[in-house]
Amino acid sequence: MGKYLKEIQRALRTNSSEKNKEFFQKVVPGKQKTYGVKTPMLNELARRYKQGGF
């Protein structure tokens, strides 16, 4: 599971956008960590890693 988690985190950082990150921080209240990744990319990651045991 640790291997998959590192791959997912790397993909999130690689596909992040500062513009999207700023927007999400305005829309979502609180101090949650945001990457600024658009939904289609998140869906792609979910499909790729759904068998990873998460």
C-alpha atoms as a PDB file:
ATOM      1  CA  MET A   1       0.000   0.000   0.000  1.00  0.00           C
ATOM      2  CA  GLY A   2       2.866   2.410   0.736  1.00  0.00           C
ATOM      3  CA  LYS A   3       4.126   2.069  -2.828  1.00  0.00           C
ATOM      4  CA  TYR A   4       0.721   3.021  -4.236  1.00  0.00           C
ATOM      5  CA  LEU A   5       0.384   5.941  -1.854  1.00  0.00           C
ATOM      6  CA  LYS A   6       3.724   7.396  -2.982  1.00  0.00           C
ATOM      7  CA  GLU A   7       2.718   6.981  -6.638  1.00  0.00           C
ATOM      8  CA  ILE A   8      -0.619   8.696  -6.024  1.00  0.00           C
ATOM      9  CA  GLN A   9       1.006  11.581  -4.161  1.00  0.00           C
ATOM     10  CA  ARG A  10       3.546  11.992  -6.963  1.00  0.00           C
ATOM     11  CA  ALA A  11       0.757  12.028  -9.572  1.00  0.00           C
ATOM     12  CA  LEU A  12      -1.180  14.617  -7.569  1.00  0.00           C
ATOM     13  CA  ARG A  13       1.849  16.894  -7.302  1.00  0.00           C
ATOM     14  CA  THR A  14       2.709  16.439 -10.978  1.00  0.00           C
ATOM     15  CA  ASN A  15      -0.810  17.262 -12.166  1.00  0.00           C
ATOM     16  CA  SER A  16      -1.502  20.110  -9.772  1.00  0.00           C
ATOM     17  CA  SER A  17      -2.093  23.692 -10.781  1.00  0.00           C
ATOM     18  CA  GLU A  18      -1.443  26.692  -8.567  1.00  0.00           C
ATOM     19  CA  LYS A  19      -4.476  28.419 -10.089  1.00  0.00           C
ATOM     20  CA  ASN A  20      -6.743  25.482  -9.196  1.00  0.00           C
ATOM     21  CA  LYS A  21      -5.208  25.196  -5.744  1.00  0.00           C
ATOM     22  CA  GLU A  22      -5.987  28.841  -4.983  1.00  0.00           C
ATOM     23  CA  PHE A  23      -9.556  28.397  -6.233  1.00  0.00           C
ATOM     24  CA  PHE A  24     -10.160  25.280  -4.111  1.00  0.00           C
ATOM     25  CA  GLN A  25      -8.803  27.036  -1.024  1.00  0.00           C
ATOM     26  CA  LYS A  26     -11.354  29.827  -1.538  1.00  0.00           C
ATOM     27  CA  VAL A  27     -14.265  27.435  -2.097  1.00  0.00           C
ATOM     28  CA  VAL A  28     -13.476  24.809   0.567  1.00  0.00           C
ATOM     29  CA  PRO A  29     -13.319  26.302   4.069  1.00  0.00           C
ATOM     30  CA  GLY A  30     -10.769  25.182   6.619  1.00  0.00           C
ATOM     31  CA  LYS A  31      -7.128  24.187   6.607  1.00  0.00           C
ATOM     32  CA  GLN A  32      -7.366  21.098   4.430  1.00  0.00           C
ATOM     33  CA  LYS A  33      -4.433  20.192   2.214  1.00  0.00           C
ATOM     34  CA  THR A  34      -5.293  20.785  -1.423  1.00  0.00           C
ATOM     35  CA  TYR A  35      -3.299  19.823  -4.489  1.00  0.00           C
ATOM     36  CA  GLY A  36      -5.205  21.763  -7.138  1.00  0.00           C
ATOM     37  CA  VAL A  37      -5.922  18.739  -9.325  1.00  0.00           C
ATOM     38  CA  LYS A  38      -9.006  18.762 -11.539  1.00  0.00           C
ATOM     39  CA  THR A  39     -11.688  16.090 -11.194  1.00  0.00           C
ATOM     40  CA  PRO A  40     -10.949  14.213 -14.451  1.00  0.00           C
ATOM     41  CA  MET A  41      -7.417  13.528 -13.212  1.00  0.00           C
ATOM     42  CA  LEU A  42      -8.748  12.357  -9.840  1.00  0.00           C
ATOM     43  CA  ASN A  43     -11.128  10.007 -11.653  1.00  0.00           C
ATOM     44  CA  GLU A  44      -8.204   8.636 -13.682  1.00  0.00           C
ATOM     45  CA  LEU A  45      -6.221   7.971 -10.487  1.00  0.00           C
ATOM     46  CA  ALA A  46      -9.251   6.315  -8.868  1.00  0.00           C
ATOM     47  CA  ARG A  47      -9.648   3.964 -11.825  1.00  0.00           C
ATOM     48  CA  ARG A  48      -5.945   3.166 -11.892  1.00  0.00           C
ATOM     49  CA  TYR A  49      -5.597   2.424  -8.175  1.00  0.00           C
ATOM     50  CA  LYS A  50      -9.024   1.053  -7.220  1.00  0.00           C
ATOM     51  CA  GLN A  51      -7.498  -2.424  -6.827  1.00  0.00           C
ATOM     52  CA  GLY A  52      -4.835  -1.070  -4.451  1.00  0.00           C
ATOM     53  CA  GLY A  53      -6.718  -1.953  -1.282  1.00  0.00           C
ATOM     54  CA  PHE A  54      -7.718   1.546  -0.241  1.00  0.00           C
END
